[in-house]
Amino acid sequence: MINITLSNLRNSSNFFDIDDIATIVNGRKKEEIGYFVPKMFKEEFENFMQDLEKKRKLKLLKRVANASKKDTIEDGAVADGIE
């Protein structure tokens, strides 16, 4: 992985020729802003992002299911159907 500053983005002809994932850094503040993923890694990166999204949603659904389990059903209440 290589580091690229925001000023490199202005010179886009050189920037888009890279074939490695690049960390984009704000040169003045010396902090990471994000990443640039070249086209050659597009498919793998999209699959990776889909896996991350599935894991995040599954974790949230498990949390909701556990909270629903702890919520007792009292007289006159309607069940939510989660068991």
N, C-alpha and C. Protein backbone atom coordinates (compact mmCIF):
# COMPACT_ATOMS: atom_id res chain seq x y z
N MET A 1 0.85 -1.17 0.00
CA MET A 1 0.00 0.00 0.00
C MET A 1 0.90 1.24 0.00
N ILE A 2 0.48 2.23 -0.75
CA ILE A 2 1.26 3.45 -0.84
C ILE A 2 0.46 4.62 -0.29
N ASN A 3 1.16 5.65 0.14
CA ASN A 3 0.51 6.88 0.63
C ASN A 3 0.51 7.93 -0.48
N ILE A 4 -0.63 8.58 -0.64
CA ILE A 4 -0.78 9.65 -1.61
C ILE A 4 -1.43 10.83 -0.90
N THR A 5 -0.94 12.02 -1.19
CA THR A 5 -1.52 13.22 -0.58
C THR A 5 -2.62 13.79 -1.47
N LEU A 6 -3.38 14.69 -0.91
CA LEU A 6 -4.44 15.33 -1.68
C LEU A 6 -3.90 16.10 -2.88
N SER A 7 -2.69 16.61 -2.75
CA SER A 7 -2.11 17.34 -3.88
C SER A 7 -1.86 16.42 -5.08
N ASN A 8 -1.64 15.13 -4.84
CA ASN A 8 -1.48 14.17 -5.94
C ASN A 8 -2.77 14.00 -6.73
N LEU A 9 -3.90 14.25 -6.08
CA LEU A 9 -5.18 14.13 -6.79
C LEU A 9 -5.32 15.18 -7.88
N ARG A 10 -4.67 16.32 -7.68
CA ARG A 10 -4.73 17.38 -8.70
C ARG A 10 -4.02 16.96 -9.97
N ASN A 11 -2.99 16.16 -9.82
CA ASN A 11 -2.24 15.65 -10.97
C ASN A 11 -2.81 14.26 -11.30
N SER A 12 -4.03 14.22 -11.78
CA SER A 12 -4.76 12.97 -11.92
C SER A 12 -4.16 12.01 -12.93
N SER A 13 -3.40 12.49 -13.89
CA SER A 13 -2.82 11.58 -14.88
C SER A 13 -1.88 10.58 -14.22
N ASN A 14 -1.09 11.01 -13.25
CA ASN A 14 -0.20 10.10 -12.52
C ASN A 14 -0.96 9.30 -11.48
N PHE A 15 -1.96 9.91 -10.88
CA PHE A 15 -2.68 9.27 -9.79
C PHE A 15 -3.41 8.02 -10.26
N PHE A 16 -4.07 8.08 -11.39
CA PHE A 16 -4.88 6.95 -11.83
C PHE A 16 -4.06 5.86 -12.52
N ASP A 17 -2.77 6.05 -12.66
CA ASP A 17 -1.90 5.03 -13.24
C ASP A 17 -1.40 4.02 -12.22
N ILE A 18 -1.66 4.24 -10.95
CA ILE A 18 -1.15 3.32 -9.93
C ILE A 18 -1.93 2.00 -9.99
N ASP A 19 -1.27 0.92 -9.61
CA ASP A 19 -1.91 -0.39 -9.62
C ASP A 19 -1.88 -1.03 -8.23
N ASP A 20 -1.83 -0.21 -7.20
CA ASP A 20 -1.81 -0.68 -5.82
C ASP A 20 -2.84 0.13 -5.03
N ILE A 21 -3.34 -0.44 -3.97
CA ILE A 21 -4.27 0.31 -3.12
C ILE A 21 -3.49 1.43 -2.45
N ALA A 22 -4.06 2.62 -2.48
CA ALA A 22 -3.37 3.80 -1.95
C ALA A 22 -4.13 4.38 -0.76
N THR A 23 -3.39 4.79 0.24
CA THR A 23 -3.97 5.51 1.36
C THR A 23 -3.89 6.99 1.03
N ILE A 24 -5.03 7.68 1.06
CA ILE A 24 -5.05 9.11 0.77
C ILE A 24 -4.89 9.85 2.10
N VAL A 25 -3.85 10.70 2.15
CA VAL A 25 -3.48 11.40 3.38
C VAL A 25 -3.59 12.90 3.16
N ASN A 26 -4.14 13.59 4.14
CA ASN A 26 -4.15 15.05 4.12
C ASN A 26 -2.75 15.49 4.52
N GLY A 27 -2.01 16.06 3.59
CA GLY A 27 -0.61 16.41 3.81
C GLY A 27 -0.40 17.44 4.89
N ARG A 28 -1.32 18.37 5.05
CA ARG A 28 -1.17 19.42 6.07
C ARG A 28 -1.41 18.89 7.47
N LYS A 29 -2.44 18.10 7.63
CA LYS A 29 -2.80 17.60 8.96
C LYS A 29 -2.19 16.24 9.28
N LYS A 30 -1.58 15.62 8.29
CA LYS A 30 -0.95 14.30 8.44
C LYS A 30 -1.94 13.26 8.98
N GLU A 31 -3.16 13.27 8.43
CA GLU A 31 -4.15 12.27 8.85
C GLU A 31 -4.73 11.58 7.62
N GLU A 32 -5.10 10.32 7.82
CA GLU A 32 -5.67 9.54 6.73
C GLU A 32 -7.08 10.02 6.43
N ILE A 33 -7.41 10.10 5.14
CA ILE A 33 -8.74 10.52 4.72
C ILE A 33 -9.52 9.32 4.19
N GLY A 34 -8.85 8.46 3.45
CA GLY A 34 -9.52 7.30 2.86
C GLY A 34 -8.58 6.48 2.03
N TYR A 35 -9.16 5.68 1.17
CA TYR A 35 -8.38 4.78 0.34
C TYR A 35 -8.81 4.90 -1.12
N PHE A 36 -7.90 4.60 -2.00
CA PHE A 36 -8.18 4.51 -3.43
C PHE A 36 -7.93 3.07 -3.84
N VAL A 37 -8.96 2.45 -4.43
CA VAL A 37 -8.86 1.07 -4.86
C VAL A 37 -8.89 1.05 -6.39
N PRO A 38 -7.82 0.59 -7.04
CA PRO A 38 -7.78 0.55 -8.50
C PRO A 38 -8.81 -0.42 -9.08
N LYS A 39 -9.10 -0.24 -10.36
CA LYS A 39 -10.09 -1.06 -11.05
C LYS A 39 -9.77 -2.55 -10.98
N MET A 40 -8.50 -2.88 -11.00
CA MET A 40 -8.12 -4.30 -11.01
C MET A 40 -8.55 -5.03 -9.73
N PHE A 41 -8.80 -4.28 -8.64
CA PHE A 41 -9.25 -4.88 -7.38
C PHE A 41 -10.74 -4.66 -7.14
N LYS A 42 -11.45 -4.13 -8.12
CA LYS A 42 -12.85 -3.75 -7.94
C LYS A 42 -13.72 -4.92 -7.49
N GLU A 43 -13.65 -6.04 -8.18
CA GLU A 43 -14.52 -7.18 -7.86
C GLU A 43 -14.25 -7.72 -6.45
N GLU A 44 -12.97 -7.90 -6.12
CA GLU A 44 -12.63 -8.40 -4.78
C GLU A 44 -13.04 -7.42 -3.70
N PHE A 45 -12.87 -6.13 -3.97
CA PHE A 45 -13.23 -5.12 -2.99
C PHE A 45 -14.74 -5.07 -2.78
N GLU A 46 -15.51 -5.17 -3.86
CA GLU A 46 -16.97 -5.17 -3.73
C GLU A 46 -17.45 -6.39 -2.95
N ASN A 47 -16.85 -7.55 -3.20
CA ASN A 47 -17.20 -8.75 -2.44
C ASN A 47 -16.87 -8.57 -0.96
N PHE A 48 -15.72 -7.98 -0.69
CA PHE A 48 -15.31 -7.72 0.69
C PHE A 48 -16.30 -6.78 1.38
N MET A 49 -16.72 -5.73 0.67
CA MET A 49 -17.67 -4.78 1.25
C MET A 49 -19.03 -5.43 1.50
N GLN A 50 -19.47 -6.31 0.60
CA GLN A 50 -20.73 -7.02 0.80
C GLN A 50 -20.66 -7.93 2.02
N ASP A 51 -19.53 -8.60 2.20
CA ASP A 51 -19.35 -9.45 3.39
C ASP A 51 -19.39 -8.63 4.67
N LEU A 52 -18.73 -7.48 4.65
CA LEU A 52 -18.76 -6.60 5.83
C LEU A 52 -20.18 -6.14 6.14
N GLU A 53 -20.93 -5.78 5.11
CA GLU A 53 -22.30 -5.32 5.29
C GLU A 53 -23.19 -6.44 5.84
N LYS A 54 -23.01 -7.66 5.34
CA LYS A 54 -23.78 -8.80 5.85
C LYS A 54 -23.48 -9.05 7.32
N LYS A 55 -22.19 -8.99 7.69
CA LYS A 55 -21.80 -9.20 9.09
C LYS A 55 -22.39 -8.13 9.99
N ARG A 56 -22.39 -6.88 9.51
CA ARG A 56 -22.93 -5.78 10.30
C ARG A 56 -24.44 -5.96 10.52
N LYS A 57 -25.15 -6.33 9.45
CA LYS A 57 -26.60 -6.54 9.55
C LYS A 57 -26.92 -7.73 10.43
N LEU A 58 -26.16 -8.82 10.30
CA LEU A 58 -26.39 -10.01 11.12
C LEU A 58 -26.18 -9.70 12.60
N LYS A 59 -25.14 -8.94 12.89
CA LYS A 59 -24.87 -8.55 14.27
C LYS A 59 -26.03 -7.73 14.84
N LEU A 60 -26.55 -6.81 14.05
CA LEU A 60 -27.68 -5.99 14.48
C LEU A 60 -28.93 -6.84 14.68
N LEU A 61 -29.19 -7.79 13.76
CA LEU A 61 -30.36 -8.66 13.90
C LEU A 61 -30.26 -9.55 15.13
N LYS A 62 -29.07 -10.05 15.43
CA LYS A 62 -28.87 -10.85 16.64
C LYS A 62 -29.13 -10.02 17.89
N ARG A 63 -28.70 -8.78 17.85
CA ARG A 63 -28.92 -7.88 18.98
C ARG A 63 -30.42 -7.63 19.20
N VAL A 64 -31.15 -7.43 18.10
CA VAL A 64 -32.59 -7.22 18.18
C VAL A 64 -33.28 -8.48 18.70
N ALA A 65 -32.86 -9.65 18.20
CA ALA A 65 -33.47 -10.91 18.64
C ALA A 65 -33.21 -11.15 20.12
N ASN A 66 -32.01 -10.88 20.60
CA ASN A 66 -31.69 -11.06 22.01
C ASN A 66 -32.50 -10.10 22.88
N ALA A 67 -32.66 -8.88 22.44
CA ALA A 67 -33.45 -7.92 23.20
C ALA A 67 -34.91 -8.34 23.22
N SER A 68 -35.39 -8.87 22.12
CA SER A 68 -36.78 -9.32 22.05
C SER A 68 -37.01 -10.53 22.95
N LYS A 69 -36.02 -11.41 23.05
CA LYS A 69 -36.12 -12.58 23.93
C LYS A 69 -36.26 -12.15 25.39
N LYS A 70 -35.54 -11.14 25.77
CA LYS A 70 -35.55 -10.67 27.16
C LYS A 70 -36.84 -9.95 27.52
N ASP A 71 -37.54 -9.46 26.50
CA ASP A 71 -38.78 -8.72 26.74
C ASP A 71 -39.91 -9.73 26.97
N THR A 72 -40.40 -9.77 28.20
CA THR A 72 -41.46 -10.73 28.52
C THR A 72 -42.80 -10.24 27.99
N ILE A 73 -43.66 -11.21 27.71
CA ILE A 73 -45.00 -10.90 27.21
C ILE A 73 -45.95 -10.95 28.40
N GLU A 74 -46.60 -9.86 28.67
CA GLU A 74 -47.51 -9.79 29.80
C GLU A 74 -48.95 -9.94 29.31
N ASP A 75 -49.88 -10.01 30.26
CA ASP A 75 -51.29 -10.14 29.91
C ASP A 75 -51.75 -8.97 29.05
N GLY A 76 -52.47 -9.28 27.98
CA GLY A 76 -52.99 -8.24 27.11
C GLY A 76 -51.99 -7.75 26.06
N ALA A 77 -50.76 -8.28 26.10
CA ALA A 77 -49.75 -7.87 25.12
C ALA A 77 -49.78 -8.80 23.93
N VAL A 78 -49.29 -8.34 22.82
CA VAL A 78 -49.25 -9.15 21.60
C VAL A 78 -47.80 -9.54 21.34
N ALA A 79 -47.58 -10.81 21.03
CA ALA A 79 -46.22 -11.29 20.76
C ALA A 79 -45.74 -10.78 19.40
N ASP A 80 -44.41 -10.67 19.26
CA ASP A 80 -43.85 -10.21 17.99
C ASP A 80 -43.50 -11.37 17.07
N GLY A 81 -43.65 -12.61 17.54
CA GLY A 81 -43.40 -13.77 16.69
C GLY A 81 -41.97 -14.26 16.71
N ILE A 82 -41.09 -13.60 17.41
CA ILE A 82 -39.69 -14.02 17.49
C ILE A 82 -39.53 -14.97 18.66
N GLU A 83 -39.00 -16.15 18.38
CA GLU A 83 -38.77 -17.13 19.46
C GLU A 83 -37.33 -17.55 19.48
